Amino acid sequence: MTAKHFSQKLRAGALALFLSPLAATAHAEGVVVVELYTSQGCSSCPAADKVLQALKDRSDIVALSLNVDYWDYLGWKDDLALPGNAKRQRKYAKMMRSRHVYTPQMMIDGSMDVVGSRRSQVDSAVASYARNNDRASVSAQVAGDTVSLSVAPLSGTREEAIVWLVGYDSDVERRIGGGENRGRTITYGNVVREWREVGRWDGKSNLTLRDRKPQGNGGFAVIVQQGEVGPIYGATKVNY
């Protein structure tokens, strides 16, 4: 290698390092979305939190922790719980004609639920939905404070879908000082910090959108879902 070539290569490497925190891209066609409804006040949840940790770094899964607040009365306030999380879970319960919500519940691709601490059932459900080839191709990238995303059309009739932008923290550790988990230190993975609608998709045409980057220091997910809750047509994630 000549000195000139080495200098060019060095500059290219430095440029890549300079740009990497500012721009990241993801493209996915077969990603399964796993939503874990959990709580710092639930003694059955830490085992499910560990399962979520084992899933969150897989490239074929968007794994999200949605802490809920309805166990706060047991003596410990869950400071990671967003008001919208329990509301979303109750909408799933209504969709599935269930009279109750529970933790730890994992929703798989917006279509079925399993007890989040039962690893074999979780793995089986994820594998089942991973075999679904009828998915929209979703792409996303972030540059500075702006997220750009696109959703490619699918063949066949589709109901209108909501495009969600979900920001999350990668790992959050909490020392629990009261309630059923008193004295335990628990790490929560991909904790949802913001969940908002950024557009609608008709399923028949290519959709492109730009919006502000959501809250969360770990990354964000793009989820294309039939209605507020329901089957998920496609998803991707960008980790920082």
C-alpha atoms as a PDB file:
ATOM      1  CA  MET A   1       0.000   0.000   0.000  1.00  0.00           C
ATOM      2  CA  THR A   2       1.389   3.397  -0.978  1.00  0.00           C
ATOM      3  CA  ALA A   3       1.464   6.333   1.422  1.00  0.00           C
ATOM      4  CA  LYS A   4      -1.167   8.067  -0.732  1.00  0.00           C
ATOM      5  CA  HIS A   5      -3.529   5.062  -0.597  1.00  0.00           C
ATOM      6  CA  PHE A   6      -2.970   4.719   3.144  1.00  0.00           C
ATOM      7  CA  SER A   7      -3.805   8.389   3.673  1.00  0.00           C
ATOM      8  CA  GLN A   8      -7.013   8.056   1.627  1.00  0.00           C
ATOM      9  CA  LYS A   9      -8.042   4.966   3.551  1.00  0.00           C
ATOM     10  CA  LEU A  10      -7.313   6.692   6.864  1.00  0.00           C
ATOM     11  CA  ARG A  11      -9.461   9.687   5.901  1.00  0.00           C
ATOM     12  CA  ALA A  12     -12.321   7.394   4.820  1.00  0.00           C
ATOM     13  CA  GLY A  13     -12.165   5.544   8.127  1.00  0.00           C
ATOM     14  CA  ALA A  14     -12.153   8.764  10.100  1.00  0.00           C
ATOM     15  CA  LEU A  15     -15.139  10.009   8.103  1.00  0.00           C
ATOM     16  CA  ALA A  16     -17.074   6.816   8.846  1.00  0.00           C
ATOM     17  CA  LEU A  17     -16.348   7.152  12.546  1.00  0.00           C
ATOM     18  CA  PHE A  18     -17.425  10.778  12.455  1.00  0.00           C
ATOM     19  CA  LEU A  19     -20.720  10.011  10.720  1.00  0.00           C
ATOM     20  CA  SER A  20     -21.736   6.881  12.623  1.00  0.00           C
ATOM     21  CA  PRO A  21     -23.302   8.614  15.668  1.00  0.00           C
ATOM     22  CA  LEU A  22     -25.279  10.905  13.354  1.00  0.00           C
ATOM     23  CA  ALA A  23     -26.659   8.436  10.835  1.00  0.00           C
ATOM     24  CA  ALA A  24     -27.864   4.861  11.254  1.00  0.00           C
ATOM     25  CA  THR A  25     -29.981   2.768   8.918  1.00  0.00           C
ATOM     26  CA  ALA A  26     -32.105  -0.366   9.173  1.00  0.00           C
ATOM     27  CA  HIS A  27     -34.078  -2.374   6.649  1.00  0.00           C
ATOM     28  CA  ALA A  28     -36.204  -5.374   7.541  1.00  0.00           C
ATOM     29  CA  GLU A  29     -38.759  -7.705   5.993  1.00  0.00           C
ATOM     30  CA  GLY A  30     -39.175 -10.534   8.520  1.00  0.00           C
ATOM     31  CA  VAL A  31     -38.991  -8.930  11.949  1.00  0.00           C
ATOM     32  CA  VAL A  32     -41.258 -10.199  14.762  1.00  0.00           C
ATOM     33  CA  VAL A  33     -42.456  -7.661  17.344  1.00  0.00           C
ATOM     34  CA  VAL A  34     -42.472  -8.758  21.002  1.00  0.00           C
ATOM     35  CA  GLU A  35     -44.135  -6.476  23.570  1.00  0.00           C
ATOM     36  CA  LEU A  36     -43.551  -7.377  27.215  1.00  0.00           C
ATOM     37  CA  TYR A  37     -46.000  -5.888  29.717  1.00  0.00           C
ATOM     38  CA  THR A  38     -44.096  -5.890  32.978  1.00  0.00           C
ATOM     39  CA  SER A  39     -43.911  -4.089  36.323  1.00  0.00           C
ATOM     40  CA  GLN A  40     -41.399  -3.369  39.053  1.00  0.00           C
ATOM     41  CA  GLY A  41     -44.137  -4.358  41.501  1.00  0.00           C
ATOM     42  CA  CYS A  42     -44.812  -7.827  40.048  1.00  0.00           C
ATOM     43  CA  SER A  43     -42.969 -10.761  41.622  1.00  0.00           C
ATOM     44  CA  SER A  44     -43.544 -12.931  38.526  1.00  0.00           C
ATOM     45  CA  CYS A  45     -42.002 -10.399  36.159  1.00  0.00           C
ATOM     46  CA  PRO A  46     -38.213 -10.602  36.715  1.00  0.00           C
ATOM     47  CA  ALA A  47     -38.034 -13.988  34.962  1.00  0.00           C
ATOM     48  CA  ALA A  48     -39.824 -12.495  31.956  1.00  0.00           C
ATOM     49  CA  ASP A  49     -37.546  -9.456  32.039  1.00  0.00           C
ATOM     50  CA  LYS A  50     -34.613 -11.846  31.604  1.00  0.00           C
ATOM     51  CA  VAL A  51     -36.310 -13.494  28.625  1.00  0.00           C
ATOM     52  CA  LEU A  52     -36.782 -10.078  27.033  1.00  0.00           C
ATOM     53  CA  GLN A  53     -33.100  -9.321  27.618  1.00  0.00           C
ATOM     54  CA  ALA A  54     -32.209 -12.501  25.744  1.00  0.00           C
ATOM     55  CA  LEU A  55     -34.353 -11.456  22.784  1.00  0.00           C
ATOM     56  CA  LYS A  56     -33.640  -7.764  22.448  1.00  0.00           C
ATOM     57  CA  ASP A  57     -30.341  -7.975  20.564  1.00  0.00           C
ATOM     58  CA  ARG A  58     -31.591 -10.402  17.929  1.00  0.00           C
ATOM     59  CA  SER A  59     -31.787  -8.799  14.493  1.00  0.00           C
ATOM     60  CA  ASP A  60     -35.017 -10.640  13.643  1.00  0.00           C
ATOM     61  CA  ILE A  61     -36.920  -9.348  16.692  1.00  0.00           C
ATOM     62  CA  VAL A  62     -38.126  -5.959  17.904  1.00  0.00           C
ATOM     63  CA  ALA A  63     -38.344  -6.586  21.665  1.00  0.00           C
ATOM     64  CA  LEU A  64     -39.865  -3.858  23.851  1.00  0.00           C
ATOM     65  CA  SER A  65     -40.551  -3.506  27.586  1.00  0.00           C
ATOM     66  CA  LEU A  66     -43.767  -1.663  28.400  1.00  0.00           C
ATOM     67  CA  ASN A  67     -43.925  -1.126  32.155  1.00  0.00           C
ATOM     68  CA  VAL A  68     -47.417  -0.708  33.619  1.00  0.00           C
ATOM     69  CA  ASP A  69     -48.580   1.108  36.742  1.00  0.00           C
ATOM     70  CA  TYR A  70     -51.545  -0.917  37.992  1.00  0.00           C
ATOM     71  CA  TRP A  71     -49.432  -2.812  40.563  1.00  0.00           C
ATOM     72  CA  ASP A  72     -48.254   0.408  42.226  1.00  0.00           C
ATOM     73  CA  TYR A  73     -50.796  -0.085  45.025  1.00  0.00           C
ATOM     74  CA  LEU A  74     -48.716  -3.011  46.318  1.00  0.00           C
ATOM     75  CA  GLY A  75     -46.226  -0.545  47.759  1.00  0.00           C
ATOM     76  CA  TRP A  76     -43.783   0.458  45.018  1.00  0.00           C
ATOM     77  CA  LYS A  77     -44.280   3.011  42.240  1.00  0.00           C
ATOM     78  CA  ASP A  78     -42.977   1.894  38.859  1.00  0.00           C
ATOM     79  CA  ASP A  79     -41.172   4.974  37.566  1.00  0.00           C
ATOM     80  CA  LEU A  80     -40.720   3.431  34.110  1.00  0.00           C
ATOM     81  CA  ALA A  81     -44.450   3.058  33.494  1.00  0.00           C
ATOM     82  CA  LEU A  82     -46.040   5.297  30.870  1.00  0.00           C
ATOM     83  CA  PRO A  83     -49.807   5.888  31.158  1.00  0.00           C
ATOM     84  CA  GLY A  84     -50.277   4.720  27.583  1.00  0.00           C
ATOM     85  CA  ASN A  85     -48.754   1.297  28.253  1.00  0.00           C
ATOM     86  CA  ALA A  86     -51.591  -0.031  30.399  1.00  0.00           C
ATOM     87  CA  LYS A  87     -54.127   1.545  28.029  1.00  0.00           C
ATOM     88  CA  ARG A  88     -52.529  -0.260  25.102  1.00  0.00           C
ATOM     89  CA  GLN A  89     -52.546  -3.550  27.005  1.00  0.00           C
ATOM     90  CA  ARG A  90     -56.244  -3.142  27.838  1.00  0.00           C
ATOM     91  CA  LYS A  91     -56.992  -2.574  24.156  1.00  0.00           C
ATOM     92  CA  TYR A  92     -55.257  -5.876  23.390  1.00  0.00           C
ATOM     93  CA  ALA A  93     -57.386  -7.553  26.067  1.00  0.00           C
ATOM     94  CA  LYS A  94     -60.536  -6.157  24.475  1.00  0.00           C
ATOM     95  CA  MET A  95     -59.384  -7.317  21.038  1.00  0.00           C
ATOM     96  CA  MET A  96     -58.833 -10.834  22.378  1.00  0.00           C
ATOM     97  CA  ARG A  97     -62.120 -10.722  24.339  1.00  0.00           C
ATOM     98  CA  SER A  98     -60.324 -11.145  27.622  1.00  0.00           C
ATOM     99  CA  ARG A  99     -61.771  -9.662  30.810  1.00  0.00           C
ATOM    100  CA  HIS A 100     -58.403  -9.164  32.464  1.00  0.00           C
ATOM    101  CA  VAL A 101     -54.886  -7.893  31.882  1.00  0.00           C
ATOM    102  CA  TYR A 102     -51.894  -9.525  33.536  1.00  0.00           C
ATOM    103  CA  THR A 103     -48.137  -9.382  33.929  1.00  0.00           C
ATOM    104  CA  PRO A 104     -45.823 -10.654  32.620  1.00  0.00           C
ATOM    105  CA  GLN A 105     -47.665 -10.759  29.301  1.00  0.00           C
ATOM    106  CA  MET A 106     -45.894 -10.921  25.963  1.00  0.00           C
ATOM    107  CA  MET A 107     -47.785  -9.925  22.850  1.00  0.00           C
ATOM    108  CA  ILE A 108     -46.305 -11.535  19.744  1.00  0.00           C
ATOM    109  CA  ASP A 109     -46.703  -9.579  16.507  1.00  0.00           C
ATOM    110  CA  GLY A 110     -49.872  -7.981  17.841  1.00  0.00           C
ATOM    111  CA  SER A 111     -51.782 -11.221  17.360  1.00  0.00           C
ATOM    112  CA  MET A 112     -51.285 -13.626  20.276  1.00  0.00           C
ATOM    113  CA  ASP A 113     -50.089 -13.562  23.858  1.00  0.00           C
ATOM    114  CA  VAL A 114     -47.981 -15.866  26.003  1.00  0.00           C
ATOM    115  CA  VAL A 115     -46.776 -15.721  29.602  1.00  0.00           C
ATOM    116  CA  GLY A 116     -43.484 -13.887  29.246  1.00  0.00           C
ATOM    117  CA  SER A 117     -41.580 -16.017  31.744  1.00  0.00           C
ATOM    118  CA  ARG A 118     -42.233 -19.264  29.837  1.00  0.00           C
ATOM    119  CA  ARG A 119     -39.226 -19.215  27.534  1.00  0.00           C
ATOM    120  CA  SER A 120     -40.134 -22.294  25.502  1.00  0.00           C
ATOM    121  CA  GLN A 121     -43.590 -20.888  24.719  1.00  0.00           C
ATOM    122  CA  VAL A 122     -42.121 -17.515  23.829  1.00  0.00           C
ATOM    123  CA  ASP A 123     -39.569 -19.094  21.480  1.00  0.00           C
ATOM    124  CA  SER A 124     -42.242 -21.243  19.859  1.00  0.00           C
ATOM    125  CA  ALA A 125     -44.542 -18.267  19.294  1.00  0.00           C
ATOM    126  CA  VAL A 126     -41.736 -16.134  17.854  1.00  0.00           C
ATOM    127  CA  ALA A 127     -40.677 -18.943  15.518  1.00  0.00           C
ATOM    128  CA  SER A 128     -44.257 -19.390  14.357  1.00  0.00           C
ATOM    129  CA  TYR A 129     -44.666 -15.749  13.390  1.00  0.00           C
ATOM    130  CA  ALA A 130     -41.178 -15.580  11.885  1.00  0.00           C
ATOM    131  CA  ARG A 131     -42.388 -18.021   9.225  1.00  0.00           C
ATOM    132  CA  ASN A 132     -44.924 -15.459   8.001  1.00  0.00           C
ATOM    133  CA  ASN A 133     -43.609 -14.233   4.662  1.00  0.00           C
ATOM    134  CA  ASP A 134     -46.512 -11.865   4.018  1.00  0.00           C
ATOM    135  CA  ARG A 135     -44.849  -8.816   5.526  1.00  0.00           C
ATOM    136  CA  ALA A 136     -44.248  -5.280   4.433  1.00  0.00           C
ATOM    137  CA  SER A 137     -40.681  -4.199   3.843  1.00  0.00           C
ATOM    138  CA  VAL A 138     -39.867  -1.395   6.281  1.00  0.00           C
ATOM    139  CA  SER A 139     -36.782   0.829   6.162  1.00  0.00           C
ATOM    140  CA  ALA A 140     -35.656   3.532   8.558  1.00  0.00           C
ATOM    141  CA  GLN A 141     -32.694   5.773   9.171  1.00  0.00           C
ATOM    142  CA  VAL A 142     -31.816   8.565  11.548  1.00  0.00           C
ATOM    143  CA  ALA A 143     -29.665  11.588  10.904  1.00  0.00           C
ATOM    144  CA  GLY A 144     -29.303  14.071  13.715  1.00  0.00           C
ATOM    145  CA  ASP A 145     -32.772  14.581  15.186  1.00  0.00           C
ATOM    146  CA  THR A 146     -34.676  13.414  12.110  1.00  0.00           C
ATOM    147  CA  VAL A 147     -36.015   9.944  11.347  1.00  0.00           C
ATOM    148  CA  SER A 148     -36.768   8.982   7.746  1.00  0.00           C
ATOM    149  CA  LEU A 149     -38.749   5.834   7.020  1.00  0.00           C
ATOM    150  CA  SER A 150     -40.438   4.019   4.177  1.00  0.00           C
ATOM    151  CA  VAL A 151     -42.940   1.175   3.877  1.00  0.00           C
ATOM    152  CA  ALA A 152     -43.219  -0.784   0.634  1.00  0.00           C
ATOM    153  CA  PRO A 153     -46.613  -1.947  -0.691  1.00  0.00           C
ATOM    154  CA  LEU A 154     -47.983  -5.442  -0.136  1.00  0.00           C
ATOM    155  CA  SER A 155     -50.040  -7.470  -2.572  1.00  0.00           C
ATOM    156  CA  GLY A 156     -53.661  -8.216  -1.703  1.00  0.00           C
ATOM    157  CA  THR A 157     -56.239  -6.244   0.229  1.00  0.00           C
ATOM    158  CA  ARG A 158     -55.110  -4.559   3.417  1.00  0.00           C
ATOM    159  CA  GLU A 159     -56.929  -2.561   6.046  1.00  0.00           C
ATOM    160  CA  GLU A 160     -55.468   0.851   6.810  1.00  0.00           C
ATOM    161  CA  ALA A 161     -52.487   0.563   9.121  1.00  0.00           C
ATOM    162  CA  ILE A 162     -51.012   2.903  11.709  1.00  0.00           C
ATOM    163  CA  VAL A 163     -47.296   3.634  11.532  1.00  0.00           C
ATOM    164  CA  TRP A 164     -45.858   3.840  15.052  1.00  0.00           C
ATOM    165  CA  LEU A 165     -42.522   5.356  16.019  1.00  0.00           C
ATOM    166  CA  VAL A 166     -41.283   3.915  19.319  1.00  0.00           C
ATOM    167  CA  GLY A 167     -38.244   5.190  21.211  1.00  0.00           C
ATOM    168  CA  TYR A 168     -36.554   3.145  23.924  1.00  0.00           C
ATOM    169  CA  ASP A 169     -33.658   2.989  26.370  1.00  0.00           C
ATOM    170  CA  SER A 170     -31.486  -0.071  25.862  1.00  0.00           C
ATOM    171  CA  ASP A 171     -30.948  -1.082  29.511  1.00  0.00           C
ATOM    172  CA  VAL A 172     -32.362   0.462  32.670  1.00  0.00           C
ATOM    173  CA  GLU A 173     -31.414  -0.864  36.111  1.00  0.00           C
ATOM    174  CA  ARG A 174     -33.631  -0.371  39.120  1.00  0.00           C
ATOM    175  CA  ARG A 175     -33.119  -1.191  42.805  1.00  0.00           C
ATOM    176  CA  ILE A 176     -36.609  -2.028  44.062  1.00  0.00           C
ATOM    177  CA  GLY A 177     -37.275  -0.595  47.518  1.00  0.00           C
ATOM    178  CA  GLY A 178     -40.777  -1.888  48.216  1.00  0.00           C
ATOM    179  CA  GLY A 179     -43.578  -4.183  47.132  1.00  0.00           C
ATOM    180  CA  GLU A 180     -43.224  -7.794  46.004  1.00  0.00           C
ATOM    181  CA  ASN A 181     -39.707  -7.301  44.598  1.00  0.00           C
ATOM    182  CA  ARG A 182     -38.328  -5.422  47.588  1.00  0.00           C
ATOM    183  CA  GLY A 183     -34.540  -5.651  47.794  1.00  0.00           C
ATOM    184  CA  ARG A 184     -34.053  -6.882  44.204  1.00  0.00           C
ATOM    185  CA  THR A 185     -32.080  -5.155  41.463  1.00  0.00           C
ATOM    186  CA  ILE A 186     -33.643  -5.682  38.049  1.00  0.00           C
ATOM    187  CA  THR A 187     -32.458  -4.686  34.582  1.00  0.00           C
ATOM    188  CA  TYR A 188     -35.139  -3.812  32.035  1.00  0.00           C
ATOM    189  CA  GLY A 189     -34.298  -4.034  28.336  1.00  0.00           C
ATOM    190  CA  ASN A 190     -35.505  -1.742  25.544  1.00  0.00           C
ATOM    191  CA  VAL A 191     -37.727   0.256  27.893  1.00  0.00           C
ATOM    192  CA  VAL A 192     -40.281   2.251  25.897  1.00  0.00           C
ATOM    193  CA  ARG A 193     -39.898   5.999  26.466  1.00  0.00           C
ATOM    194  CA  GLU A 194     -42.186   7.255  23.717  1.00  0.00           C
ATOM    195  CA  TRP A 195     -44.831   5.630  21.514  1.00  0.00           C
ATOM    196  CA  ARG A 196     -46.527   7.812  18.934  1.00  0.00           C
ATOM    197  CA  GLU A 197     -48.340   7.650  15.616  1.00  0.00           C
ATOM    198  CA  VAL A 198     -46.514   9.260  12.699  1.00  0.00           C
ATOM    199  CA  GLY A 199     -48.681   8.253   9.759  1.00  0.00           C
ATOM    200  CA  ARG A 200     -51.182   5.970   8.068  1.00  0.00           C
ATOM    201  CA  TRP A 201     -50.496   3.409   5.341  1.00  0.00           C
ATOM    202  CA  ASP A 202     -53.042   2.016   2.898  1.00  0.00           C
ATOM    203  CA  GLY A 203     -51.049  -1.129   2.135  1.00  0.00           C
ATOM    204  CA  LYS A 204     -51.157  -0.557  -1.615  1.00  0.00           C
ATOM    205  CA  SER A 205     -48.643   2.230  -2.153  1.00  0.00           C
ATOM    206  CA  ASN A 206     -45.157   3.134  -1.049  1.00  0.00           C
ATOM    207  CA  LEU A 207     -45.149   5.390   2.013  1.00  0.00           C
ATOM    208  CA  THR A 208     -42.287   7.711   2.954  1.00  0.00           C
ATOM    209  CA  LEU A 209     -42.244   9.853   6.079  1.00  0.00           C
ATOM    210  CA  ARG A 210     -39.949  12.115   8.046  1.00  0.00           C
ATOM    211  CA  ASP A 211     -40.425  12.940  11.714  1.00  0.00           C
ATOM    212  CA  ARG A 212     -38.480  13.922  14.795  1.00  0.00           C
ATOM    213  CA  LYS A 213     -36.418  11.305  16.583  1.00  0.00           C
ATOM    214  CA  PRO A 214     -38.333   9.854  19.561  1.00  0.00           C
ATOM    215  CA  GLN A 215     -37.140   9.905  23.146  1.00  0.00           C
ATOM    216  CA  GLY A 216     -34.854   7.090  24.272  1.00  0.00           C
ATOM    217  CA  ASN A 217     -31.098   6.610  24.272  1.00  0.00           C
ATOM    218  CA  GLY A 218     -31.094   3.037  22.980  1.00  0.00           C
ATOM    219  CA  GLY A 219     -32.773   3.405  19.613  1.00  0.00           C
ATOM    220  CA  PHE A 220     -36.192   3.311  18.025  1.00  0.00           C
ATOM    221  CA  ALA A 221     -38.569   0.959  16.256  1.00  0.00           C
ATOM    222  CA  VAL A 222     -40.958   1.500  13.372  1.00  0.00           C
ATOM    223  CA  ILE A 223     -44.071  -0.673  13.647  1.00  0.00           C
ATOM    224  CA  VAL A 224     -46.781  -0.898  10.984  1.00  0.00           C
ATOM    225  CA  GLN A 225     -49.925  -2.236  12.628  1.00  0.00           C
ATOM    226  CA  GLN A 226     -53.531  -2.861  11.661  1.00  0.00           C
ATOM    227  CA  GLY A 227     -55.311  -0.386  13.907  1.00  0.00           C
ATOM    228  CA  GLU A 228     -54.211   0.759  17.362  1.00  0.00           C
ATOM    229  CA  VAL A 229     -53.793  -2.900  18.306  1.00  0.00           C
ATOM    230  CA  GLY A 230     -53.940  -5.849  15.951  1.00  0.00           C
ATOM    231  CA  PRO A 231     -51.798  -7.802  13.482  1.00  0.00           C
ATOM    232  CA  ILE A 232     -48.459  -6.234  12.634  1.00  0.00           C
ATOM    233  CA  TYR A 233     -47.684  -5.936   8.929  1.00  0.00           C
ATOM    234  CA  GLY A 234     -44.027  -5.045   9.267  1.00  0.00           C
ATOM    235  CA  ALA A 235     -41.399  -3.543  11.551  1.00  0.00           C
ATOM    236  CA  THR A 236     -37.767  -2.593  11.876  1.00  0.00           C
ATOM    237  CA  LYS A 237     -35.464  -1.056  14.473  1.00  0.00           C
ATOM    238  CA  VAL A 238     -32.445   1.206  14.649  1.00  0.00           C
ATOM    239  CA  ASN A 239     -30.132   0.815  17.635  1.00  0.00           C
ATOM    240  CA  TYR A 240     -27.814   3.687  18.506  1.00  0.00           C
END
